[in-house]
Protein backbone atom coordinates (compact mmCIF):
# COMPACT_ATOMS: atom_id res chain seq x y z
CA MET A 1 -14.98 3.77 -20.46
CA ALA A 2 -11.73 1.98 -19.83
CA SER A 3 -10.63 -1.00 -21.86
CA LYS A 4 -10.73 -4.42 -20.11
CA ASP A 5 -7.15 -4.96 -21.09
CA SER A 6 -5.88 -1.86 -19.33
CA THR A 7 -5.15 -2.06 -15.66
CA PRO A 8 -4.73 0.96 -13.39
CA PRO A 9 -1.21 1.82 -12.27
CA TYR A 10 -2.25 1.29 -8.66
CA PRO A 11 -3.63 -1.65 -6.72
CA SER A 12 -7.41 -1.93 -6.22
CA ALA A 13 -8.75 -0.50 -3.00
CA ALA A 14 -10.00 -3.97 -2.00
CA ARG A 15 -6.56 -5.50 -2.36
CA ILE A 16 -4.97 -2.74 -0.25
CA ALA A 17 -7.59 -3.02 2.50
CA ASP A 18 -6.98 -6.79 2.66
CA SER A 19 -3.23 -6.27 2.91
CA GLN A 20 -1.35 -7.00 6.16
CA CYS A 21 0.35 -3.66 5.52
CA PHE A 22 -2.85 -1.62 5.39
CA PRO A 23 -1.98 0.33 8.61
CA GLN A 24 1.43 1.32 7.21
CA TYR A 25 -0.14 2.28 3.90
CA THR A 26 -2.69 4.48 5.64
CA ALA A 27 -0.09 6.07 7.84
CA SER A 28 1.90 7.02 4.68
CA LEU A 29 -1.11 8.67 3.11
CA LYS A 30 -2.04 10.53 6.29
CA CYS A 31 1.57 11.83 6.49
CA LEU A 32 1.42 13.08 2.90
CA GLU A 33 -1.86 14.90 3.69
CA LYS A 34 -0.42 16.40 6.84
CA PHE A 35 2.70 17.71 5.09
CA ASN A 36 1.05 18.80 1.84
CA SER A 37 2.60 15.99 -0.20
CA ASP A 38 6.13 16.68 0.98
CA LYS A 39 7.56 13.17 0.50
CA SER A 40 10.77 14.07 2.36
CA LYS A 41 8.78 14.51 5.59
CA CYS A 42 7.25 11.05 5.24
CA GLN A 43 10.25 8.87 4.24
CA GLU A 44 10.15 6.92 7.49
CA HIS A 45 6.54 5.91 6.85
CA PHE A 46 7.43 4.87 3.28
CA ASP A 47 10.30 2.71 4.57
CA VAL A 48 8.17 0.95 7.19
CA TYR A 49 5.53 0.19 4.49
CA LYS A 50 8.18 -1.04 2.07
CA GLU A 51 9.61 -3.39 4.71
CA CYS A 52 6.16 -4.69 5.52
CA LYS A 53 5.40 -5.39 1.85
CA LYS A 54 8.71 -7.36 1.56
CA LYS A 55 7.60 -9.62 4.50
CA GLU A 56 3.92 -9.87 3.51
CA VAL A 57 2.79 -13.31 2.54
CA PRO A 58 0.63 -13.39 -0.59
CA SER A 59 -3.00 -14.08 0.24
CA GLU A 60 -3.09 -17.41 -1.57
CA ASN A 61 -0.27 -18.65 0.61
CA ARG A 62 -1.88 -17.43 3.82
CA GLU A 63 -4.90 -19.65 3.29
CA GLU A 64 -2.76 -22.72 3.00
CA ASN A 65 -0.87 -22.17 6.27
């Protein structure tokens, strides 16, 4: 059983699914599956996801606008 103080090194599935960048995230994972985890084949997907995350508005700010 994990300690309550420890947090996983990855975001929760719920947070990812609520993200504006979920389609880009999913495309990156599908690419990795398709190319047997060869990251060099999926760099374009990673870059698109990274740019989306830079532009993403935090959920608490989205509710105010």
